[in-house]
Each structure stands twice: as C-alpha cells, then as structure tokens.
Amino acid sequence: MAHDADVNKASKHWLWLLLLPWIAMIWVPSYNKVEPQLFDFPFFYWYQLLWVLISAVITAFVYNKTKSRYTGRSQGGAQQ
C-alpha cells in the first residue's frame, strides 16, 4: 500500500505539464502580433494553432505517464 501511495504522489507531478498550454494562451501580449508570418498566416493565428498540436502531445504524454494510477482497479463493485 505504501508503494502505491508513492507512485500516485510521483505521478501527480506530471499533471503540472498541463499548465504550459494554459499559460501560453492566457498571456496574449506575448503573441499579439502579425510578424513573423507562416504561409501568409499572421503569427497570432499560427501560434495558437501550433499550441493546439503541442497541447495534444503534452496531454498524451501526461496520460501515458499517469495512467498506471488508474489501471488494475475495479470500478464500481465486486472483484472477480
């Protein structure tokens, strides 16, 4: 049981990575500009689109690092 608690506590640290996309998007003055353009899209738009992809990668990474917390547990009842 003590080992499970240590694993759960250690895997919770990965959840802090989920704040990176939020911080990147909430700080609008950092990307509120037109230049540099990528394929004629202003920076403001392609920066946000890039963060959609980065967020998906970060979410998948955090999921894979923390899914061991949830596997092996029965949900809602008797064990077989």
N, C-alpha and C. Protein backbone atom coordinates (compact mmCIF):
# COMPACT_ATOMS: atom_id res chain seq x y z
N MET A 1 0.80 -1.19 0.00
CA MET A 1 0.00 0.00 0.00
C MET A 1 0.85 1.26 0.00
N ALA A 2 1.93 1.24 0.75
CA ALA A 2 2.79 2.43 0.81
C ALA A 2 3.42 2.70 -0.54
N HIS A 3 3.76 1.65 -1.26
CA HIS A 3 4.35 1.82 -2.59
C HIS A 3 3.35 2.45 -3.54
N ASP A 4 2.07 2.04 -3.47
CA ASP A 4 1.04 2.63 -4.31
C ASP A 4 0.88 4.12 -4.04
N ALA A 5 0.97 4.51 -2.78
CA ALA A 5 0.86 5.93 -2.42
C ALA A 5 2.02 6.73 -3.00
N ASP A 6 3.23 6.14 -2.96
CA ASP A 6 4.40 6.82 -3.53
C ASP A 6 4.27 6.98 -5.04
N VAL A 7 3.77 5.95 -5.71
CA VAL A 7 3.59 6.01 -7.16
C VAL A 7 2.55 7.06 -7.51
N ASN A 8 1.44 7.09 -6.77
CA ASN A 8 0.40 8.08 -7.02
C ASN A 8 0.91 9.50 -6.82
N LYS A 9 1.68 9.70 -5.77
CA LYS A 9 2.22 11.02 -5.48
C LYS A 9 3.21 11.45 -6.56
N ALA A 10 4.06 10.54 -7.00
CA ALA A 10 5.05 10.86 -8.03
C ALA A 10 4.38 11.13 -9.37
N SER A 11 3.32 10.38 -9.69
CA SER A 11 2.68 10.57 -10.99
C SER A 11 1.87 11.86 -11.03
N LYS A 12 1.49 12.40 -9.90
CA LYS A 12 0.75 13.66 -9.88
C LYS A 12 1.62 14.83 -10.34
N HIS A 13 2.92 14.70 -10.23
CA HIS A 13 3.81 15.78 -10.66
C HIS A 13 3.75 16.00 -12.17
N TRP A 14 3.43 14.97 -12.92
CA TRP A 14 3.32 15.11 -14.37
C TRP A 14 2.16 16.02 -14.75
N LEU A 15 1.16 16.11 -13.90
CA LEU A 15 -0.01 16.93 -14.19
C LEU A 15 0.33 18.42 -14.32
N TRP A 16 1.44 18.84 -13.72
CA TRP A 16 1.85 20.24 -13.82
C TRP A 16 2.16 20.64 -15.26
N LEU A 17 2.52 19.68 -16.10
CA LEU A 17 2.79 19.99 -17.51
C LEU A 17 1.55 20.51 -18.23
N LEU A 18 0.39 20.16 -17.73
CA LEU A 18 -0.85 20.60 -18.37
C LEU A 18 -1.06 22.10 -18.23
N LEU A 19 -0.31 22.75 -17.38
CA LEU A 19 -0.41 24.20 -17.23
C LEU A 19 0.31 24.95 -18.35
N LEU A 20 1.26 24.32 -19.01
CA LEU A 20 2.03 25.00 -20.05
C LEU A 20 1.15 25.58 -21.17
N PRO A 21 0.25 24.80 -21.75
CA PRO A 21 -0.61 25.38 -22.80
C PRO A 21 -1.50 26.50 -22.27
N TRP A 22 -1.97 26.36 -21.07
CA TRP A 22 -2.83 27.39 -20.49
C TRP A 22 -2.06 28.69 -20.32
N ILE A 23 -0.86 28.60 -19.80
CA ILE A 23 -0.04 29.80 -19.63
C ILE A 23 0.29 30.43 -20.98
N ALA A 24 0.63 29.60 -21.95
CA ALA A 24 0.98 30.11 -23.28
C ALA A 24 -0.19 30.83 -23.94
N MET A 25 -1.41 30.38 -23.69
CA MET A 25 -2.56 31.00 -24.33
C MET A 25 -3.12 32.18 -23.54
N ILE A 26 -2.97 32.16 -22.23
CA ILE A 26 -3.55 33.23 -21.41
C ILE A 26 -2.70 34.50 -21.48
N TRP A 27 -1.43 34.36 -21.84
CA TRP A 27 -0.52 35.50 -21.92
C TRP A 27 -0.55 36.07 -23.34
N VAL A 28 -1.65 36.71 -23.69
CA VAL A 28 -1.90 37.20 -25.04
C VAL A 28 -0.86 38.20 -25.54
N PRO A 29 -0.38 39.13 -24.74
CA PRO A 29 0.60 40.09 -25.26
C PRO A 29 1.87 39.44 -25.85
N SER A 30 2.15 38.22 -25.45
CA SER A 30 3.35 37.55 -25.98
C SER A 30 3.19 37.14 -27.45
N TYR A 31 1.96 36.99 -27.92
CA TYR A 31 1.77 36.56 -29.31
C TYR A 31 0.81 37.46 -30.08
N ASN A 32 0.50 38.61 -29.55
CA ASN A 32 -0.41 39.55 -30.21
C ASN A 32 0.36 40.41 -31.21
N LYS A 33 0.75 39.79 -32.32
CA LYS A 33 1.47 40.49 -33.38
C LYS A 33 1.24 39.79 -34.71
N VAL A 34 1.62 40.46 -35.77
CA VAL A 34 1.41 39.93 -37.11
C VAL A 34 2.63 39.17 -37.61
N GLU A 35 3.80 39.70 -37.36
CA GLU A 35 5.05 39.10 -37.84
C GLU A 35 5.62 38.16 -36.79
N PRO A 36 6.26 37.10 -37.14
CA PRO A 36 6.53 36.55 -38.46
C PRO A 36 5.33 35.79 -39.00
N GLN A 37 5.20 35.81 -40.29
CA GLN A 37 4.11 35.10 -40.94
C GLN A 37 4.60 33.73 -41.39
N LEU A 38 3.68 32.79 -41.38
CA LEU A 38 3.97 31.44 -41.85
C LEU A 38 2.89 31.06 -42.85
N PHE A 39 3.28 30.87 -44.12
CA PHE A 39 2.34 30.58 -45.20
C PHE A 39 1.24 31.64 -45.27
N ASP A 40 1.61 32.88 -45.14
CA ASP A 40 0.72 34.05 -45.17
C ASP A 40 -0.27 34.12 -44.01
N PHE A 41 -0.07 33.32 -42.98
CA PHE A 41 -0.88 33.43 -41.78
C PHE A 41 -0.14 34.28 -40.76
N PRO A 42 -0.81 35.26 -40.17
CA PRO A 42 -0.15 36.07 -39.14
C PRO A 42 0.25 35.21 -37.94
N PHE A 43 1.26 35.66 -37.24
CA PHE A 43 1.78 34.95 -36.08
C PHE A 43 0.69 34.65 -35.07
N PHE A 44 -0.21 35.61 -34.87
CA PHE A 44 -1.29 35.45 -33.89
C PHE A 44 -2.08 34.16 -34.12
N TYR A 45 -2.34 33.82 -35.38
CA TYR A 45 -3.13 32.63 -35.69
C TYR A 45 -2.32 31.35 -35.67
N TRP A 46 -1.15 31.35 -36.31
CA TRP A 46 -0.42 30.08 -36.36
C TRP A 46 0.19 29.72 -35.02
N TYR A 47 0.46 30.70 -34.17
CA TYR A 47 0.94 30.41 -32.82
C TYR A 47 -0.13 29.64 -32.04
N GLN A 48 -1.37 30.10 -32.11
CA GLN A 48 -2.45 29.41 -31.41
C GLN A 48 -2.69 28.01 -31.97
N LEU A 49 -2.64 27.89 -33.28
CA LEU A 49 -2.82 26.57 -33.90
C LEU A 49 -1.69 25.63 -33.52
N LEU A 50 -0.49 26.14 -33.45
CA LEU A 50 0.65 25.33 -33.01
C LEU A 50 0.44 24.83 -31.59
N TRP A 51 -0.11 25.68 -30.74
CA TRP A 51 -0.35 25.25 -29.37
C TRP A 51 -1.46 24.21 -29.25
N VAL A 52 -2.35 24.15 -30.19
CA VAL A 52 -3.35 23.07 -30.21
C VAL A 52 -2.63 21.73 -30.38
N LEU A 53 -1.69 21.69 -31.30
CA LEU A 53 -0.92 20.45 -31.52
C LEU A 53 -0.02 20.13 -30.33
N ILE A 54 0.66 21.14 -29.81
CA ILE A 54 1.53 20.93 -28.66
C ILE A 54 0.72 20.45 -27.46
N SER A 55 -0.46 21.03 -27.28
CA SER A 55 -1.33 20.62 -26.16
C SER A 55 -1.75 19.16 -26.28
N ALA A 56 -2.03 18.72 -27.49
CA ALA A 56 -2.40 17.32 -27.70
C ALA A 56 -1.24 16.40 -27.35
N VAL A 57 -0.04 16.77 -27.74
CA VAL A 57 1.15 15.97 -27.43
C VAL A 57 1.39 15.94 -25.92
N ILE A 58 1.30 17.09 -25.27
CA ILE A 58 1.50 17.15 -23.82
C ILE A 58 0.45 16.33 -23.10
N THR A 59 -0.80 16.43 -23.53
CA THR A 59 -1.88 15.67 -22.89
C THR A 59 -1.65 14.17 -23.04
N ALA A 60 -1.26 13.73 -24.22
CA ALA A 60 -0.98 12.30 -24.43
C ALA A 60 0.20 11.84 -23.57
N PHE A 61 1.23 12.66 -23.49
CA PHE A 61 2.39 12.33 -22.67
C PHE A 61 2.01 12.20 -21.19
N VAL A 62 1.27 13.17 -20.69
CA VAL A 62 0.84 13.13 -19.28
C VAL A 62 -0.07 11.94 -19.03
N TYR A 63 -0.95 11.65 -19.96
CA TYR A 63 -1.83 10.49 -19.82
C TYR A 63 -1.01 9.21 -19.70
N ASN A 64 -0.03 9.05 -20.58
CA ASN A 64 0.79 7.84 -20.54
C ASN A 64 1.61 7.74 -19.27
N LYS A 65 2.04 8.85 -18.74
CA LYS A 65 2.82 8.83 -17.51
C LYS A 65 1.97 8.59 -16.27
N THR A 66 0.70 8.95 -16.33
CA THR A 66 -0.16 8.84 -15.14
C THR A 66 -1.19 7.72 -15.23
N LYS A 67 -1.30 7.03 -16.35
CA LYS A 67 -2.35 6.02 -16.48
C LYS A 67 -2.13 4.83 -15.55
N SER A 68 -0.91 4.60 -15.10
CA SER A 68 -0.66 3.49 -14.18
C SER A 68 -1.39 3.68 -12.86
N ARG A 69 -1.76 4.91 -12.55
CA ARG A 69 -2.53 5.19 -11.34
C ARG A 69 -3.91 4.57 -11.41
N TYR A 70 -4.44 4.43 -12.62
CA TYR A 70 -5.83 4.00 -12.77
C TYR A 70 -5.99 2.57 -13.23
N THR A 71 -4.95 1.94 -13.70
CA THR A 71 -5.07 0.58 -14.19
C THR A 71 -5.05 -0.40 -13.02
N GLY A 72 -5.72 -1.49 -13.19
CA GLY A 72 -5.72 -2.52 -12.18
C GLY A 72 -6.73 -2.32 -11.06
N ARG A 73 -7.49 -1.27 -11.15
CA ARG A 73 -8.51 -1.02 -10.13
C ARG A 73 -9.88 -1.34 -10.70
N SER A 74 -10.66 -2.02 -9.92
CA SER A 74 -12.03 -2.29 -10.39
C SER A 74 -12.87 -1.06 -10.17
N GLN A 75 -13.83 -0.87 -11.02
CA GLN A 75 -14.69 0.31 -10.90
C GLN A 75 -16.09 -0.14 -10.55
N GLY A 76 -16.49 0.18 -9.37
CA GLY A 76 -17.87 0.02 -9.00
C GLY A 76 -18.31 -1.34 -8.54
N GLY A 77 -17.51 -2.03 -7.80
CA GLY A 77 -18.11 -3.22 -7.25
C GLY A 77 -17.17 -4.35 -6.93
N ALA A 78 -17.73 -5.53 -7.08
CA ALA A 78 -17.05 -6.75 -6.65
C ALA A 78 -15.87 -7.06 -7.55
N GLN A 79 -14.88 -7.62 -6.91
CA GLN A 79 -13.72 -8.07 -7.67
C GLN A 79 -13.94 -9.50 -8.12
N GLN A 80 -13.37 -9.86 -9.23
CA GLN A 80 -13.55 -11.22 -9.73
C GLN A 80 -12.30 -12.01 -9.54
